[in-house]
Amino acid sequence: MSNRSVINTDRAPAAIGTYSQAIKAGATVYLSGQIPLDPATMQLVDGDMEAQIRQVFDNLTAVCEAAGGGLKDIVKLNIFLTDLNHFALVNEVMASYLQEPYPARAAIGVAALPKGAGVEMDGIMDIA
């Protein structure tokens, strides 16, 4: 018998492919990548890179809460940026959403992201 369940919320963008917003396996939740889509319109948010980063954190928050946790429960965060010059801005915005101890993290420069987004984040959450 599987101890896996699909996590889904309308407070985050609907999946735009063959994936789930998150999968809970025991006390571990695997968060799919979130880009800065407004969940109501499924369009990229208006504004600058800071607005995009904030929308991604808002989307991750919604999925974490739907899984029974919060951003504080993320133990590993992966950040994908089309321009690594925005790394300092990610740190600044991240500090407004998370408190120490911060999750383990990777920041990766990529050539492109879905829908022309400048940032995407995924992660692993422990809700034990």
C-alpha atoms as a PDB file:
ATOM      1  CA  MET A   1       0.000   0.000   0.000  1.00  0.00           C
ATOM      2  CA  SER A   2       1.376   3.412  -0.980  1.00  0.00           C
ATOM      3  CA  ASN A   3       1.734   6.167   1.581  1.00  0.00           C
ATOM      4  CA  ARG A   4       1.772   8.823  -1.144  1.00  0.00           C
ATOM      5  CA  SER A   5      -0.830  11.498  -1.728  1.00  0.00           C
ATOM      6  CA  VAL A   6      -1.264  14.296  -4.231  1.00  0.00           C
ATOM      7  CA  ILE A   7      -1.275  17.846  -2.877  1.00  0.00           C
ATOM      8  CA  ASN A   8      -3.365  20.340  -4.785  1.00  0.00           C
ATOM      9  CA  THR A   9      -4.623  23.850  -4.065  1.00  0.00           C
ATOM     10  CA  ASP A  10      -6.328  26.521  -6.135  1.00  0.00           C
ATOM     11  CA  ARG A  11      -4.254  29.123  -4.218  1.00  0.00           C
ATOM     12  CA  ALA A  12      -1.280  28.190  -6.422  1.00  0.00           C
ATOM     13  CA  PRO A  13      -1.118  27.864 -10.209  1.00  0.00           C
ATOM     14  CA  ALA A  14      -2.643  24.709 -11.613  1.00  0.00           C
ATOM     15  CA  ALA A  15      -0.159  22.252 -13.066  1.00  0.00           C
ATOM     16  CA  ILE A  16       0.557  23.120 -16.705  1.00  0.00           C
ATOM     17  CA  GLY A  17       1.871  19.684 -17.581  1.00  0.00           C
ATOM     18  CA  THR A  18       1.985  16.100 -16.481  1.00  0.00           C
ATOM     19  CA  TYR A  19       2.861  16.704 -12.835  1.00  0.00           C
ATOM     20  CA  SER A  20       1.295  17.463  -9.444  1.00  0.00           C
ATOM     21  CA  GLN A  21       1.811  20.633  -7.410  1.00  0.00           C
ATOM     22  CA  ALA A  22       3.328  18.391  -4.745  1.00  0.00           C
ATOM     23  CA  ILE A  23       3.473  14.780  -3.628  1.00  0.00           C
ATOM     24  CA  LYS A  24       3.425  13.808   0.038  1.00  0.00           C
ATOM     25  CA  ALA A  25       5.248  10.565   0.870  1.00  0.00           C
ATOM     26  CA  GLY A  26       5.114   9.916   4.592  1.00  0.00           C
ATOM     27  CA  ALA A  27       6.288  13.113   6.315  1.00  0.00           C
ATOM     28  CA  THR A  28       8.157  14.321   3.227  1.00  0.00           C
ATOM     29  CA  VAL A  29       6.578  16.613   0.664  1.00  0.00           C
ATOM     30  CA  TYR A  30       8.182  17.046  -2.746  1.00  0.00           C
ATOM     31  CA  LEU A  31       7.251  20.466  -4.131  1.00  0.00           C
ATOM     32  CA  SER A  32       7.109  20.870  -7.895  1.00  0.00           C
ATOM     33  CA  GLY A  33       8.706  23.902  -9.452  1.00  0.00           C
ATOM     34  CA  GLN A  34       6.777  27.127  -9.133  1.00  0.00           C
ATOM     35  CA  ILE A  35       7.169  29.984 -11.566  1.00  0.00           C
ATOM     36  CA  PRO A  36       5.681  33.456 -11.019  1.00  0.00           C
ATOM     37  CA  LEU A  37       2.215  32.681 -12.325  1.00  0.00           C
ATOM     38  CA  ASP A  38      -0.775  34.408 -10.785  1.00  0.00           C
ATOM     39  CA  PRO A  39      -3.030  31.465  -9.810  1.00  0.00           C
ATOM     40  CA  ALA A  40      -6.175  33.393 -10.761  1.00  0.00           C
ATOM     41  CA  THR A  41      -5.092  34.288 -14.300  1.00  0.00           C
ATOM     42  CA  MET A  42      -2.363  31.692 -14.975  1.00  0.00           C
ATOM     43  CA  GLN A  43      -0.313  34.550 -16.459  1.00  0.00           C
ATOM     44  CA  LEU A  44       3.108  35.779 -15.343  1.00  0.00           C
ATOM     45  CA  VAL A  45       2.760  38.500 -12.723  1.00  0.00           C
ATOM     46  CA  ASP A  46       3.217  42.065 -13.837  1.00  0.00           C
ATOM     47  CA  GLY A  47       6.231  43.845 -12.503  1.00  0.00           C
ATOM     48  CA  ASP A  48       9.935  43.509 -12.033  1.00  0.00           C
ATOM     49  CA  MET A  49      12.088  40.607 -10.906  1.00  0.00           C
ATOM     50  CA  GLU A  50      11.244  41.245  -7.255  1.00  0.00           C
ATOM     51  CA  ALA A  51       7.542  40.812  -8.075  1.00  0.00           C
ATOM     52  CA  GLN A  52       8.363  37.518  -9.817  1.00  0.00           C
ATOM     53  CA  ILE A  53      10.367  36.227  -6.839  1.00  0.00           C
ATOM     54  CA  ARG A  54       7.628  37.211  -4.384  1.00  0.00           C
ATOM     55  CA  GLN A  55       4.971  35.462  -6.483  1.00  0.00           C
ATOM     56  CA  VAL A  56       7.049  32.275  -6.505  1.00  0.00           C
ATOM     57  CA  PHE A  57       7.329  32.384  -2.700  1.00  0.00           C
ATOM     58  CA  ASP A  58       3.575  33.059  -2.445  1.00  0.00           C
ATOM     59  CA  ASN A  59       2.879  30.060  -4.682  1.00  0.00           C
ATOM     60  CA  LEU A  60       5.215  27.845  -2.661  1.00  0.00           C
ATOM     61  CA  THR A  61       3.544  29.048   0.549  1.00  0.00           C
ATOM     62  CA  ALA A  62       0.122  28.019  -0.769  1.00  0.00           C
ATOM     63  CA  VAL A  63       1.301  24.527  -1.712  1.00  0.00           C
ATOM     64  CA  CYS A  64       3.154  24.076   1.593  1.00  0.00           C
ATOM     65  CA  GLU A  65       0.032  25.078   3.517  1.00  0.00           C
ATOM     66  CA  ALA A  66      -2.129  22.713   1.458  1.00  0.00           C
ATOM     67  CA  ALA A  67       0.269  19.938   2.495  1.00  0.00           C
ATOM     68  CA  GLY A  68      -0.095  20.825   6.175  1.00  0.00           C
ATOM     69  CA  GLY A  69       3.093  22.823   6.627  1.00  0.00           C
ATOM     70  CA  GLY A  70       4.678  26.106   5.731  1.00  0.00           C
ATOM     71  CA  LEU A  71       7.790  27.602   4.202  1.00  0.00           C
ATOM     72  CA  LYS A  72       9.548  27.035   7.539  1.00  0.00           C
ATOM     73  CA  ASP A  73       9.266  23.293   6.877  1.00  0.00           C
ATOM     74  CA  ILE A  74      11.250  23.392   3.621  1.00  0.00           C
ATOM     75  CA  VAL A  75      14.537  21.587   4.189  1.00  0.00           C
ATOM     76  CA  LYS A  76      15.889  21.882   0.618  1.00  0.00           C
ATOM     77  CA  LEU A  77      15.179  24.686  -1.833  1.00  0.00           C
ATOM     78  CA  ASN A  78      16.332  24.799  -5.447  1.00  0.00           C
ATOM     79  CA  ILE A  79      16.321  28.156  -7.219  1.00  0.00           C
ATOM     80  CA  PHE A  80      16.611  28.438 -10.988  1.00  0.00           C
ATOM     81  CA  LEU A  81      17.429  31.863 -12.448  1.00  0.00           C
ATOM     82  CA  THR A  82      17.781  32.953 -16.057  1.00  0.00           C
ATOM     83  CA  ASP A  83      20.070  35.737 -14.807  1.00  0.00           C
ATOM     84  CA  LEU A  84      22.345  35.003 -11.834  1.00  0.00           C
ATOM     85  CA  ASN A  85      22.728  38.756 -11.324  1.00  0.00           C
ATOM     86  CA  HIS A  86      19.390  38.480  -9.476  1.00  0.00           C
ATOM     87  CA  PHE A  87      20.915  36.208  -6.818  1.00  0.00           C
ATOM     88  CA  ALA A  88      21.301  39.029  -4.252  1.00  0.00           C
ATOM     89  CA  LEU A  89      17.659  40.019  -4.808  1.00  0.00           C
ATOM     90  CA  VAL A  90      16.573  36.414  -4.213  1.00  0.00           C
ATOM     91  CA  ASN A  91      18.459  36.479  -0.905  1.00  0.00           C
ATOM     92  CA  GLU A  92      16.823  39.758   0.085  1.00  0.00           C
ATOM     93  CA  VAL A  93      13.299  38.578  -0.722  1.00  0.00           C
ATOM     94  CA  MET A  94      13.911  35.141   0.782  1.00  0.00           C
ATOM     95  CA  ALA A  95      14.866  36.774   4.097  1.00  0.00           C
ATOM     96  CA  SER A  96      11.427  38.406   4.211  1.00  0.00           C
ATOM     97  CA  TYR A  97       9.696  35.005   3.840  1.00  0.00           C
ATOM     98  CA  LEU A  98      11.950  32.677   5.845  1.00  0.00           C
ATOM     99  CA  GLN A  99      13.746  32.798   9.160  1.00  0.00           C
ATOM    100  CA  GLU A 100      16.748  30.873  10.426  1.00  0.00           C
ATOM    101  CA  PRO A 101      17.472  28.087  10.244  1.00  0.00           C
ATOM    102  CA  TYR A 102      17.280  28.522   6.481  1.00  0.00           C
ATOM    103  CA  PRO A 103      16.886  25.454   4.258  1.00  0.00           C
ATOM    104  CA  ALA A 104      19.749  23.917   2.373  1.00  0.00           C
ATOM    105  CA  ARG A 105      19.729  25.556  -1.025  1.00  0.00           C
ATOM    106  CA  ALA A 106      21.078  25.546  -4.546  1.00  0.00           C
ATOM    107  CA  ALA A 107      20.943  28.416  -7.036  1.00  0.00           C
ATOM    108  CA  ILE A 108      21.340  27.400 -10.641  1.00  0.00           C
ATOM    109  CA  GLY A 109      21.660  29.547 -13.741  1.00  0.00           C
ATOM    110  CA  VAL A 110      19.551  28.304 -16.634  1.00  0.00           C
ATOM    111  CA  ALA A 111      19.062  29.422 -20.228  1.00  0.00           C
ATOM    112  CA  ALA A 112      15.269  29.568 -20.108  1.00  0.00           C
ATOM    113  CA  LEU A 113      12.236  28.732 -17.970  1.00  0.00           C
ATOM    114  CA  PRO A 114       8.606  27.941 -18.823  1.00  0.00           C
ATOM    115  CA  LYS A 115       6.480  30.831 -20.093  1.00  0.00           C
ATOM    116  CA  GLY A 116       9.523  33.126 -20.164  1.00  0.00           C
ATOM    117  CA  ALA A 117       9.777  33.340 -16.361  1.00  0.00           C
ATOM    118  CA  GLY A 118      12.967  34.698 -14.808  1.00  0.00           C
ATOM    119  CA  VAL A 119      12.817  32.451 -11.733  1.00  0.00           C
ATOM    120  CA  GLU A 120      11.554  29.021 -10.689  1.00  0.00           C
ATOM    121  CA  MET A 121      11.838  27.268  -7.345  1.00  0.00           C
ATOM    122  CA  ASP A 122      11.148  23.752  -6.118  1.00  0.00           C
ATOM    123  CA  GLY A 123      11.919  22.050  -2.875  1.00  0.00           C
ATOM    124  CA  ILE A 124      11.500  19.343  -0.284  1.00  0.00           C
ATOM    125  CA  MET A 125       9.501  19.851   2.867  1.00  0.00           C
ATOM    126  CA  ASP A 126       9.586  17.794   6.077  1.00  0.00           C
ATOM    127  CA  ILE A 127       6.366  17.976   8.104  1.00  0.00           C
ATOM    128  CA  ALA A 128       7.228  15.328  10.687  1.00  0.00           C
END
